[in-house]
């Protein structure tokens, strides 16, 4: 499937060859508990096809074969848009599809690692004397597309308290935005919350507000609109303003909990049969 002209070169690789390498890469790293595979791509069955979904449990540089994936990005035919789109998608997911249990600081390490590796790969391609000017331009174009994809994903887990210039003013008043609690029926947690806000509030700020009232992490919360014709308030829209998402006064939003998140297993005991630091911390907090 993957015809190599030289050792270590993926110049002649095609989409089928890459998909084979991708599956082996994910399978090996799942076996080593570095990723958790949710679903693999499949052909449509009864009109329904599955997409590639997985969760990353370690920093990508710790994964077996990560240099191969970046090598394919470096060597493959950039004119083959069908292939480069698949490679870009995988690399972007490796740095963004992070398990929910990681902290904000750990998320930043994933992002820093991507930017460092992206710059290193870009420099290697543009400074290679054996690479033609046409290939250099093609790589820069692909790298720019990858960075754009990466940036569009960065707000999936929050905005890091950053706001756009247009969000510095309050904007127009949004009256009686109705949030319906479909998360919990516990005593003391309101079933319906009516808020007055402004059009320059971000989607993430609205999620944080709802999360505080309904006692849940904003990363575990999703907002569903009664009017399905309006833009979805998905994680990719966290940095967008309410006005850009066409949120209006008296609109009804359903506040729901995301499907149960995967939590990686951790050993209770160390190799010396002592309680692990994580387990010891949990038991100490209980007793």
Foldseek 3Di string as FASTA:
>chain_A
DQDDPDPLARAPPDQVNVLVVVVVQVVVCVVVVQKAWDDDWDDDDVNDTDHTAIAGEDQLVPGPCSVSLLNCLLHYDLVRVVRLVVSLVVVLCNLQRHFPPDDPVVNVVSVVVVVVVLVVSLCCNCVDPPHDPVSNVSSVVSSVVSVVVNVLRPQLQHDPPDADPVLVDFAAKAFFAKEAEPADPDPQQDRIDTDIGGQSDFLLNVLVVNCVRRVHDSSFKAKDFPPPVFDGSHSSRRRPTNVVSVDHHPTYIYIYTHPDTDDDDDDQADPVRHGDPVNVVVVVVVD
